[in-house]
All heavy atoms as atom14 arrays in JSON, in Angstrom:
{
  "sequence": "IDLAEAEGLADLLSAETEIQRRAAIANAGGALSRKVDG",
  "atom14_mask": [
    [1, 1, 1, 1, 1, 1, 1, 1, 0, 0, 0, 0, 0, 0],
    [1, 1, 1, 1, 1, 1, 1, 1, 0, 0, 0, 0, 0, 0],
    [1, 1, 1, 1, 1, 1, 1, 1, 0, 0, 0, 0, 0, 0],
    [1, 1, 1, 1, 1, 0, 0, 0, 0, 0, 0, 0, 0, 0],
    [1, 1, 1, 1, 1, 1, 1, 1, 1, 0, 0, 0, 0, 0],
    [1, 1, 1, 1, 1, 0, 0, 0, 0, 0, 0, 0, 0, 0],
    [1, 1, 1, 1, 1, 1, 1, 1, 1, 0, 0, 0, 0, 0],
    [1, 1, 1, 1, 0, 0, 0, 0, 0, 0, 0, 0, 0, 0],
    [1, 1, 1, 1, 1, 1, 1, 1, 0, 0, 0, 0, 0, 0],
    [1, 1, 1, 1, 1, 0, 0, 0, 0, 0, 0, 0, 0, 0],
    [1, 1, 1, 1, 1, 1, 1, 1, 0, 0, 0, 0, 0, 0],
    [1, 1, 1, 1, 1, 1, 1, 1, 0, 0, 0, 0, 0, 0],
    [1, 1, 1, 1, 1, 1, 1, 1, 0, 0, 0, 0, 0, 0],
    [1, 1, 1, 1, 1, 1, 0, 0, 0, 0, 0, 0, 0, 0],
    [1, 1, 1, 1, 1, 0, 0, 0, 0, 0, 0, 0, 0, 0],
    [1, 1, 1, 1, 1, 1, 1, 1, 1, 0, 0, 0, 0, 0],
    [1, 1, 1, 1, 1, 1, 1, 0, 0, 0, 0, 0, 0, 0],
    [1, 1, 1, 1, 1, 1, 1, 1, 1, 0, 0, 0, 0, 0],
    [1, 1, 1, 1, 1, 1, 1, 1, 0, 0, 0, 0, 0, 0],
    [1, 1, 1, 1, 1, 1, 1, 1, 1, 0, 0, 0, 0, 0],
    [1, 1, 1, 1, 1, 1, 1, 1, 1, 1, 1, 0, 0, 0],
    [1, 1, 1, 1, 1, 1, 1, 1, 1, 1, 1, 0, 0, 0],
    [1, 1, 1, 1, 1, 0, 0, 0, 0, 0, 0, 0, 0, 0],
    [1, 1, 1, 1, 1, 0, 0, 0, 0, 0, 0, 0, 0, 0],
    [1, 1, 1, 1, 1, 1, 1, 1, 0, 0, 0, 0, 0, 0],
    [1, 1, 1, 1, 1, 0, 0, 0, 0, 0, 0, 0, 0, 0],
    [1, 1, 1, 1, 1, 1, 1, 1, 0, 0, 0, 0, 0, 0],
    [1, 1, 1, 1, 1, 0, 0, 0, 0, 0, 0, 0, 0, 0],
    [1, 1, 1, 1, 0, 0, 0, 0, 0, 0, 0, 0, 0, 0],
    [1, 1, 1, 1, 0, 0, 0, 0, 0, 0, 0, 0, 0, 0],
    [1, 1, 1, 1, 1, 0, 0, 0, 0, 0, 0, 0, 0, 0],
    [1, 1, 1, 1, 1, 1, 1, 1, 0, 0, 0, 0, 0, 0],
    [1, 1, 1, 1, 1, 1, 0, 0, 0, 0, 0, 0, 0, 0],
    [1, 1, 1, 1, 1, 1, 1, 1, 1, 1, 1, 0, 0, 0],
    [1, 1, 1, 1, 1, 1, 1, 1, 1, 0, 0, 0, 0, 0],
    [1, 1, 1, 1, 1, 1, 1, 0, 0, 0, 0, 0, 0, 0],
    [1, 1, 1, 1, 1, 1, 1, 1, 0, 0, 0, 0, 0, 0],
    [1, 1, 1, 1, 0, 0, 0, 0, 0, 0, 0, 0, 0, 0]
  ],
  "atom14_positions": [
    [[26.38, -88.58, -104.81], [26.2, -89.54, -103.72], [25.58, -90.75, -104.39], [24.92, -90.68, -105.43], [25.37, -89.04, -102.45], [24.0, -88.66, -103.03], [26.04, -87.98, -101.75], [22.94, -88.29, -101.92], [0.0, 0.0, 0.0], [0.0, 0.0, 0.0], [0.0, 0.0, 0.0], [0.0, 0.0, 0.0], [0.0, 0.0, 0.0], [0.0, 0.0, 0.0]],
    [[25.71, -91.9, -103.78], [24.96, -93.11, -104.26], [23.73, -93.32, -103.36], [23.42, -92.58, -102.48], [25.98, -94.3, -104.37], [26.4, -94.81, -103.02], [25.72, -94.55, -101.94], [27.5, -95.37, -102.98], [0.0, 0.0, 0.0], [0.0, 0.0, 0.0], [0.0, 0.0, 0.0], [0.0, 0.0, 0.0], [0.0, 0.0, 0.0], [0.0, 0.0, 0.0]],
    [[23.06, -94.42, -103.72], [21.75, -94.56, -103.07], [21.92, -95.04, -101.61], [21.14, -94.51, -100.81], [21.01, -95.76, -103.79], [19.47, -95.86, -103.53], [18.86, -94.63, -103.98], [19.01, -97.1, -104.32], [0.0, 0.0, 0.0], [0.0, 0.0, 0.0], [0.0, 0.0, 0.0], [0.0, 0.0, 0.0], [0.0, 0.0, 0.0], [0.0, 0.0, 0.0]],
    [[22.94, -95.75, -101.28], [23.23, -96.08, -99.89], [23.59, -94.9, -99.04], [23.08, -94.78, -97.9], [24.31, -97.15, -99.75], [0.0, 0.0, 0.0], [0.0, 0.0, 0.0], [0.0, 0.0, 0.0], [0.0, 0.0, 0.0], [0.0, 0.0, 0.0], [0.0, 0.0, 0.0], [0.0, 0.0, 0.0], [0.0, 0.0, 0.0], [0.0, 0.0, 0.0]],
    [[24.29, -93.96, -99.67], [24.6, -92.7, -98.92], [23.46, -91.88, -98.76], [23.2, -91.2, -97.69], [25.74, -91.96, -99.63], [27.06, -92.65, -99.61], [28.06, -92.03, -100.61], [27.66, -91.68, -101.67], [29.22, -91.77, -100.13], [0.0, 0.0, 0.0], [0.0, 0.0, 0.0], [0.0, 0.0, 0.0], [0.0, 0.0, 0.0], [0.0, 0.0, 0.0]],
    [[22.55, -91.84, -99.76], [21.27, -91.1, -99.67], [20.37, -91.7, -98.61], [19.81, -90.89, -97.74], [20.5, -91.15, -100.91], [0.0, 0.0, 0.0], [0.0, 0.0, 0.0], [0.0, 0.0, 0.0], [0.0, 0.0, 0.0], [0.0, 0.0, 0.0], [0.0, 0.0, 0.0], [0.0, 0.0, 0.0], [0.0, 0.0, 0.0], [0.0, 0.0, 0.0]],
    [[20.33, -92.9, -98.39], [19.47, -93.6, -97.36], [20.14, -93.26, -96.01], [19.34, -93.03, -95.09], [19.48, -95.11, -97.55], [18.63, -95.54, -98.74], [18.67, -97.01, -99.04], [19.78, -97.59, -99.08], [17.64, -97.64, -99.1], [0.0, 0.0, 0.0], [0.0, 0.0, 0.0], [0.0, 0.0, 0.0], [0.0, 0.0, 0.0], [0.0, 0.0, 0.0]],
    [[21.45, -93.21, -95.92], [22.06, -92.73, -94.61], [21.75, -91.36, -94.33], [21.51, -90.99, -93.2], [0.0, 0.0, 0.0], [0.0, 0.0, 0.0], [0.0, 0.0, 0.0], [0.0, 0.0, 0.0], [0.0, 0.0, 0.0], [0.0, 0.0, 0.0], [0.0, 0.0, 0.0], [0.0, 0.0, 0.0], [0.0, 0.0, 0.0], [0.0, 0.0, 0.0]],
    [[21.71, -90.44, -95.37], [21.42, -89.09, -95.06], [19.94, -88.91, -94.63], [19.6, -88.12, -93.76], [21.64, -88.24, -96.32], [21.31, -86.75, -96.34], [22.15, -86.09, -95.18], [21.61, -86.13, -97.64], [0.0, 0.0, 0.0], [0.0, 0.0, 0.0], [0.0, 0.0, 0.0], [0.0, 0.0, 0.0], [0.0, 0.0, 0.0], [0.0, 0.0, 0.0]],
    [[18.98, -89.69, -95.18], [17.62, -89.63, -94.8], [17.49, -90.14, -93.29], [16.77, -89.45, -92.54], [16.78, -90.6, -95.71], [0.0, 0.0, 0.0], [0.0, 0.0, 0.0], [0.0, 0.0, 0.0], [0.0, 0.0, 0.0], [0.0, 0.0, 0.0], [0.0, 0.0, 0.0], [0.0, 0.0, 0.0], [0.0, 0.0, 0.0], [0.0, 0.0, 0.0]],
    [[18.27, -91.05, -92.96], [18.25, -91.54, -91.52], [18.84, -90.49, -90.7], [18.42, -90.29, -89.53], [19.05, -92.86, -91.34], [18.33, -94.09, -92.03], [17.07, -93.99, -92.23], [18.93, -95.07, -92.35], [0.0, 0.0, 0.0], [0.0, 0.0, 0.0], [0.0, 0.0, 0.0], [0.0, 0.0, 0.0], [0.0, 0.0, 0.0], [0.0, 0.0, 0.0]],
    [[19.9, -89.8, -91.14], [20.54, -88.73, -90.3], [19.54, -87.6, -90.06], [19.49, -87.09, -88.93], [21.77, -88.23, -91.0], [22.63, -87.21, -90.28], [23.16, -87.72, -88.9], [23.76, -86.74, -91.15], [0.0, 0.0, 0.0], [0.0, 0.0, 0.0], [0.0, 0.0, 0.0], [0.0, 0.0, 0.0], [0.0, 0.0, 0.0], [0.0, 0.0, 0.0]],
    [[18.76, -87.27, -91.0], [17.78, -86.2, -90.87], [16.72, -86.58, -89.8], [16.19, -85.63, -89.19], [17.17, -85.81, -92.18], [18.06, -85.16, -93.25], [17.31, -85.02, -94.55], [18.51, -83.81, -92.74], [0.0, 0.0, 0.0], [0.0, 0.0, 0.0], [0.0, 0.0, 0.0], [0.0, 0.0, 0.0], [0.0, 0.0, 0.0], [0.0, 0.0, 0.0]],
    [[16.4, -87.83, -89.79], [15.33, -88.26, -88.87], [15.87, -88.72, -87.51], [15.12, -89.12, -86.64], [14.42, -89.37, -89.53], [15.18, -90.44, -89.8], [0.0, 0.0, 0.0], [0.0, 0.0, 0.0], [0.0, 0.0, 0.0], [0.0, 0.0, 0.0], [0.0, 0.0, 0.0], [0.0, 0.0, 0.0], [0.0, 0.0, 0.0], [0.0, 0.0, 0.0]],
    [[17.17, -88.78, -87.3], [17.78, -89.31, -86.05], [17.35, -88.44, -84.87], [17.4, -87.22, -85.0], [19.28, -89.36, -86.18], [0.0, 0.0, 0.0], [0.0, 0.0, 0.0], [0.0, 0.0, 0.0], [0.0, 0.0, 0.0], [0.0, 0.0, 0.0], [0.0, 0.0, 0.0], [0.0, 0.0, 0.0], [0.0, 0.0, 0.0], [0.0, 0.0, 0.0]],
    [[16.98, -89.17, -83.83], [16.53, -88.5, -82.58], [17.41, -88.89, -81.3], [17.44, -88.26, -80.3], [15.05, -88.68, -82.26], [14.14, -88.25, -83.33], [12.68, -88.4, -82.92], [12.45, -89.15, -81.96], [11.79, -87.84, -83.67], [0.0, 0.0, 0.0], [0.0, 0.0, 0.0], [0.0, 0.0, 0.0], [0.0, 0.0, 0.0], [0.0, 0.0, 0.0]],
    [[18.19, -89.96, -81.52], [19.09, -90.37, -80.4], [20.55, -90.43, -80.9], [20.74, -90.44, -82.06], [18.71, -91.78, -79.84], [18.9, -92.79, -80.86], [17.21, -91.83, -79.54], [0.0, 0.0, 0.0], [0.0, 0.0, 0.0], [0.0, 0.0, 0.0], [0.0, 0.0, 0.0], [0.0, 0.0, 0.0], [0.0, 0.0, 0.0], [0.0, 0.0, 0.0]],
    [[21.46, -90.55, -80.0], [22.88, -90.53, -80.38], [23.25, -91.76, -81.14], [24.03, -91.75, -82.08], [23.71, -90.5, -79.01], [25.2, -90.55, -79.24], [25.83, -89.37, -80.03], [25.09, -88.37, -80.29], [26.92, -89.54, -80.58], [0.0, 0.0, 0.0], [0.0, 0.0, 0.0], [0.0, 0.0, 0.0], [0.0, 0.0, 0.0], [0.0, 0.0, 0.0]],
    [[22.67, -92.89, -80.73], [22.95, -94.2, -81.44], [22.45, -94.18, -82.85], [23.07, -94.67, -83.76], [22.36, -95.38, -80.65], [22.9, -96.62, -81.19], [20.85, -95.33, -80.6], [22.54, -97.94, -80.4], [0.0, 0.0, 0.0], [0.0, 0.0, 0.0], [0.0, 0.0, 0.0], [0.0, 0.0, 0.0], [0.0, 0.0, 0.0], [0.0, 0.0, 0.0]],
    [[21.27, -93.48, -83.1], [20.79, -93.31, -84.38], [21.66, -92.45, -85.26], [21.98, -92.68, -86.47], [19.37, -92.77, -84.38], [18.34, -93.71, -83.93], [16.98, -93.17, -83.76], [16.85, -91.96, -83.38], [15.96, -93.86, -83.95], [0.0, 0.0, 0.0], [0.0, 0.0, 0.0], [0.0, 0.0, 0.0], [0.0, 0.0, 0.0], [0.0, 0.0, 0.0]],
    [[22.16, -91.38, -84.64], [23.01, -90.38, -85.39], [24.31, -91.07, -85.8], [24.77, -90.89, -86.92], [23.35, -89.26, -84.45], [24.15, -88.13, -85.1], [24.72, -87.21, -84.11], [25.63, -87.77, -83.18], [26.98, -87.96, -83.53], [27.4, -87.69, -84.71], [27.83, -88.48, -82.67], [0.0, 0.0, 0.0], [0.0, 0.0, 0.0], [0.0, 0.0, 0.0]],
    [[24.91, -91.81, -84.9], [26.22, -92.45, -85.2], [26.05, -93.47, -86.43], [26.87, -93.47, -87.36], [26.79, -93.13, -84.01], [27.35, -92.2, -82.96], [27.98, -92.92, -81.78], [27.11, -93.77, -81.18], [27.41, -94.37, -80.02], [28.54, -94.0, -79.31], [26.55, -95.16, -79.41], [0.0, 0.0, 0.0], [0.0, 0.0, 0.0], [0.0, 0.0, 0.0]],
    [[25.01, -94.25, -86.38], [24.82, -95.21, -87.5], [24.45, -94.45, -88.76], [25.02, -94.89, -89.82], [23.61, -96.15, -87.08], [0.0, 0.0, 0.0], [0.0, 0.0, 0.0], [0.0, 0.0, 0.0], [0.0, 0.0, 0.0], [0.0, 0.0, 0.0], [0.0, 0.0, 0.0], [0.0, 0.0, 0.0], [0.0, 0.0, 0.0], [0.0, 0.0, 0.0]],
    [[23.73, -93.43, -88.73], [23.4, -92.7, -89.88], [24.55, -91.94, -90.5], [24.83, -91.98, -91.73], [22.32, -91.68, -89.71], [0.0, 0.0, 0.0], [0.0, 0.0, 0.0], [0.0, 0.0, 0.0], [0.0, 0.0, 0.0], [0.0, 0.0, 0.0], [0.0, 0.0, 0.0], [0.0, 0.0, 0.0], [0.0, 0.0, 0.0], [0.0, 0.0, 0.0]],
    [[25.35, -91.41, -89.65], [26.64, -90.75, -90.07], [27.56, -91.79, -90.83], [28.14, -91.45, -91.89], [27.39, -90.21, -88.82], [26.84, -88.79, -88.41], [28.86, -90.0, -89.16], [27.1, -87.69, -89.33], [0.0, 0.0, 0.0], [0.0, 0.0, 0.0], [0.0, 0.0, 0.0], [0.0, 0.0, 0.0], [0.0, 0.0, 0.0], [0.0, 0.0, 0.0]],
    [[27.65, -92.99, -90.39], [28.46, -93.95, -91.03], [28.0, -94.3, -92.38], [28.73, -94.3, -93.43], [28.57, -95.23, -90.26], [0.0, 0.0, 0.0], [0.0, 0.0, 0.0], [0.0, 0.0, 0.0], [0.0, 0.0, 0.0], [0.0, 0.0, 0.0], [0.0, 0.0, 0.0], [0.0, 0.0, 0.0], [0.0, 0.0, 0.0], [0.0, 0.0, 0.0]],
    [[26.69, -94.47, -92.64], [26.13, -94.75, -93.97], [26.17, -93.5, -94.8], [26.44, -93.64, -96.04], [24.7, -95.31, -93.88], [24.71, -96.86, -93.51], [25.75, -97.48, -93.69], [23.6, -97.37, -93.08], [0.0, 0.0, 0.0], [0.0, 0.0, 0.0], [0.0, 0.0, 0.0], [0.0, 0.0, 0.0], [0.0, 0.0, 0.0], [0.0, 0.0, 0.0]],
    [[25.77, -92.37, -94.28], [25.8, -91.15, -95.11], [27.34, -90.83, -95.54], [27.52, -90.2, -96.61], [25.35, -89.97, -94.34], [0.0, 0.0, 0.0], [0.0, 0.0, 0.0], [0.0, 0.0, 0.0], [0.0, 0.0, 0.0], [0.0, 0.0, 0.0], [0.0, 0.0, 0.0], [0.0, 0.0, 0.0], [0.0, 0.0, 0.0], [0.0, 0.0, 0.0]],
    [[28.21, -91.3, -94.77], [29.63, -91.05, -95.15], [30.2, -92.14, -96.08], [31.39, -92.05, -96.37], [0.0, 0.0, 0.0], [0.0, 0.0, 0.0], [0.0, 0.0, 0.0], [0.0, 0.0, 0.0], [0.0, 0.0, 0.0], [0.0, 0.0, 0.0], [0.0, 0.0, 0.0], [0.0, 0.0, 0.0], [0.0, 0.0, 0.0], [0.0, 0.0, 0.0]],
    [[29.38, -93.07, -96.4], [29.79, -94.03, -97.45], [30.33, -95.41, -96.96], [30.99, -96.12, -97.66], [0.0, 0.0, 0.0], [0.0, 0.0, 0.0], [0.0, 0.0, 0.0], [0.0, 0.0, 0.0], [0.0, 0.0, 0.0], [0.0, 0.0, 0.0], [0.0, 0.0, 0.0], [0.0, 0.0, 0.0], [0.0, 0.0, 0.0], [0.0, 0.0, 0.0]],
    [[30.11, -95.72, -95.64], [30.64, -96.97, -95.1], [30.05, -98.11, -95.84], [30.77, -99.03, -96.19], [30.33, -97.08, -93.56], [0.0, 0.0, 0.0], [0.0, 0.0, 0.0], [0.0, 0.0, 0.0], [0.0, 0.0, 0.0], [0.0, 0.0, 0.0], [0.0, 0.0, 0.0], [0.0, 0.0, 0.0], [0.0, 0.0, 0.0], [0.0, 0.0, 0.0]],
    [[28.75, -98.22, -95.98], [28.15, -99.3, -96.7], [28.58, -99.36, -98.19], [28.88, -100.36, -98.77], [26.63, -99.33, -96.57], [25.87, -100.41, -97.39], [26.25, -101.82, -96.93], [24.41, -100.18, -97.17], [0.0, 0.0, 0.0], [0.0, 0.0, 0.0], [0.0, 0.0, 0.0], [0.0, 0.0, 0.0], [0.0, 0.0, 0.0], [0.0, 0.0, 0.0]],
    [[28.61, -98.16, -98.73], [29.05, -98.06, -100.18], [30.43, -98.58, -100.38], [30.64, -99.35, -101.38], [28.95, -96.61, -100.65], [27.68, -96.14, -100.47], [0.0, 0.0, 0.0], [0.0, 0.0, 0.0], [0.0, 0.0, 0.0], [0.0, 0.0, 0.0], [0.0, 0.0, 0.0], [0.0, 0.0, 0.0], [0.0, 0.0, 0.0], [0.0, 0.0, 0.0]],
    [[31.35, -98.33, -99.47], [32.78, -98.86, -99.71], [32.75, -100.31, -99.53], [33.49, -101.04, -100.21], [33.65, -98.19, -98.64], [33.94, -96.75, -98.91], [35.04, -96.16, -98.03], [34.52, -96.01, -96.6], [33.9, -94.97, -96.08], [33.56, -93.92, -96.84], [33.57, -95.01, -94.8], [0.0, 0.0, 0.0], [0.0, 0.0, 0.0], [0.0, 0.0, 0.0]],
    [[31.96, -100.85, -98.58], [31.81, -102.31, -98.44], [31.33, -102.96, -99.65], [31.9, -103.94, -100.12], [30.85, -102.61, -97.16], [30.92, -104.02, -96.81], [32.23, -104.49, -96.16], [32.13, -105.85, -95.56], [33.38, -106.24, -95.0], [0.0, 0.0, 0.0], [0.0, 0.0, 0.0], [0.0, 0.0, 0.0], [0.0, 0.0, 0.0], [0.0, 0.0, 0.0]],
    [[30.24, -102.39, -100.29], [29.58, -102.93, -101.41], [30.64, -102.85, -102.61], [30.72, -103.74, -103.45], [28.37, -102.28, -101.8], [27.83, -102.69, -103.08], [27.32, -102.5, -100.75], [0.0, 0.0, 0.0], [0.0, 0.0, 0.0], [0.0, 0.0, 0.0], [0.0, 0.0, 0.0], [0.0, 0.0, 0.0], [0.0, 0.0, 0.0], [0.0, 0.0, 0.0]],
    [[31.38, -101.75, -102.73], [32.39, -101.67, -103.83], [33.42, -102.69, -103.65], [33.89, -103.31, -104.67], [33.02, -100.27, -103.77], [32.05, -99.17, -104.27], [31.1, -99.48, -104.86], [32.34, -98.01, -103.92], [0.0, 0.0, 0.0], [0.0, 0.0, 0.0], [0.0, 0.0, 0.0], [0.0, 0.0, 0.0], [0.0, 0.0, 0.0], [0.0, 0.0, 0.0]],
    [[33.85, -103.05, -102.46], [34.79, -104.13, -102.29], [34.32, -105.44, -102.66], [35.01, -106.27, -103.32], [0.0, 0.0, 0.0], [0.0, 0.0, 0.0], [0.0, 0.0, 0.0], [0.0, 0.0, 0.0], [0.0, 0.0, 0.0], [0.0, 0.0, 0.0], [0.0, 0.0, 0.0], [0.0, 0.0, 0.0], [0.0, 0.0, 0.0], [0.0, 0.0, 0.0]]
  ]
}
């Protein structure tokens, strides 16, 4: 994993609401990483 995915995973572990979970899933799944790679 890269650093952005690791940050997303940390947010996912601490997520307490549905909106937090969805945002964390996106980053843990590499959404930001793909954007940065582009």
